[in-house]
Protein backbone atom coordinates (compact mmCIF):
# COMPACT_ATOMS: atom_id res chain seq x y z
CA MET A 1 0.00 0.00 0.02
CA LEU A 2 2.88 2.36 0.80
CA VAL A 3 4.38 1.82 -2.62
CA LEU A 4 1.05 2.72 -4.24
CA LEU A 5 0.86 5.94 -2.14
CA ILE A 6 4.40 6.95 -3.08
CA THR A 7 3.76 6.23 -6.77
CA LEU A 8 0.55 8.23 -6.85
CA LEU A 9 2.12 11.18 -5.08
CA ILE A 10 5.02 11.22 -7.48
CA LEU A 11 2.75 10.93 -10.52
CA ASN A 12 0.61 13.73 -9.17
CA ALA A 13 3.66 15.95 -8.69
CA LEU A 14 5.03 15.18 -12.17
CA PHE A 15 1.68 15.85 -13.79
CA ASN A 16 1.31 19.19 -12.06
CA LEU A 17 4.90 20.25 -12.82
CA LEU A 18 4.52 19.36 -16.49
CA VAL A 19 1.02 20.62 -17.28
CA TRP A 20 0.48 23.78 -15.35
CA PRO A 21 3.48 25.86 -16.53
CA THR A 22 2.47 25.14 -20.16
CA PHE A 23 -1.12 26.14 -19.37
CA PHE A 24 0.05 29.37 -17.73
CA ARG A 25 2.00 30.35 -20.85
CA ARG A 26 -1.18 29.91 -22.90
CA VAL A 27 -3.24 31.92 -20.38
CA ALA A 28 -0.63 34.70 -20.30
CA ARG A 29 -0.76 35.00 -24.12
CA ASP A 30 -4.53 35.06 -24.20
CA ALA A 31 -6.14 38.39 -25.18
CA ARG A 32 -8.18 38.37 -21.96
CA ALA A 33 -5.05 38.36 -19.82
CA ARG A 34 -4.33 42.09 -20.11
CA ASP A 35 -6.49 45.18 -20.38
CA PRO A 36 -5.83 47.84 -23.10
CA GLN A 37 -3.31 49.56 -20.81
CA GLY A 38 -1.33 46.31 -20.40
CA ARG A 39 -2.32 45.64 -16.80
CA PRO A 40 -3.17 42.11 -15.74
CA THR A 41 -6.88 41.35 -15.64
CA ARG A 42 -8.79 39.19 -13.12
CA PHE A 43 -8.63 36.43 -15.74
CA LEU A 44 -4.83 36.33 -15.48
CA ILE A 45 -4.71 36.84 -11.73
CA VAL A 46 -7.23 34.10 -10.95
CA HIS A 47 -5.44 31.65 -13.22
CA ALA A 48 -2.05 32.57 -11.80
CA VAL A 49 -3.31 31.93 -8.25
CA LEU A 50 -4.89 28.60 -9.15
CA ILE A 51 -1.73 27.49 -10.95
CA GLY A 52 0.41 28.60 -8.04
CA VAL A 53 -1.72 26.52 -5.66
CA ALA A 54 -1.46 23.49 -8.00
CA LEU A 55 2.33 23.85 -8.11
CA LEU A 56 2.48 24.22 -4.34
CA LEU A 57 0.51 21.00 -4.04
CA ALA A 58 2.96 19.32 -6.42
CA VAL A 59 5.86 20.32 -4.12
CA VAL A 60 3.93 19.03 -1.08
CA SER A 61 3.18 15.77 -2.92
CA SER A 62 6.89 15.38 -3.78
CA VAL A 63 8.01 16.01 -0.22
CA THR A 64 5.39 13.64 1.17
CA ALA A 65 6.42 10.93 -1.29
CA ILE A 66 10.08 11.35 -0.35
CA LEU A 67 9.30 11.25 3.35
CA ALA A 68 7.16 8.16 2.88
CA ALA A 69 9.91 6.49 0.82
CA VAL A 70 12.55 7.01 3.47
CA GLY A 71 10.20 5.92 6.24
CA VAL A 72 9.75 9.22 8.12
CA GLY A 73 6.55 9.28 10.12
CA VAL A 74 5.93 5.55 9.75
């Protein structure tokens, strides 16, 4: 069961680290990302916050997987 947990946490982290930065680049290039004066819109800010949270969870998943792999907290 522990091996399954570690595997799922690592896959989750890898998915988040691979997908979200690419998505952010697409969001940042979207016409809705900036107003006519070049300032970031709520569209960009909301997506940036959501992607930031997803990346933070990826880091937490990675750390948790490493700790579980080395037996910390078991």
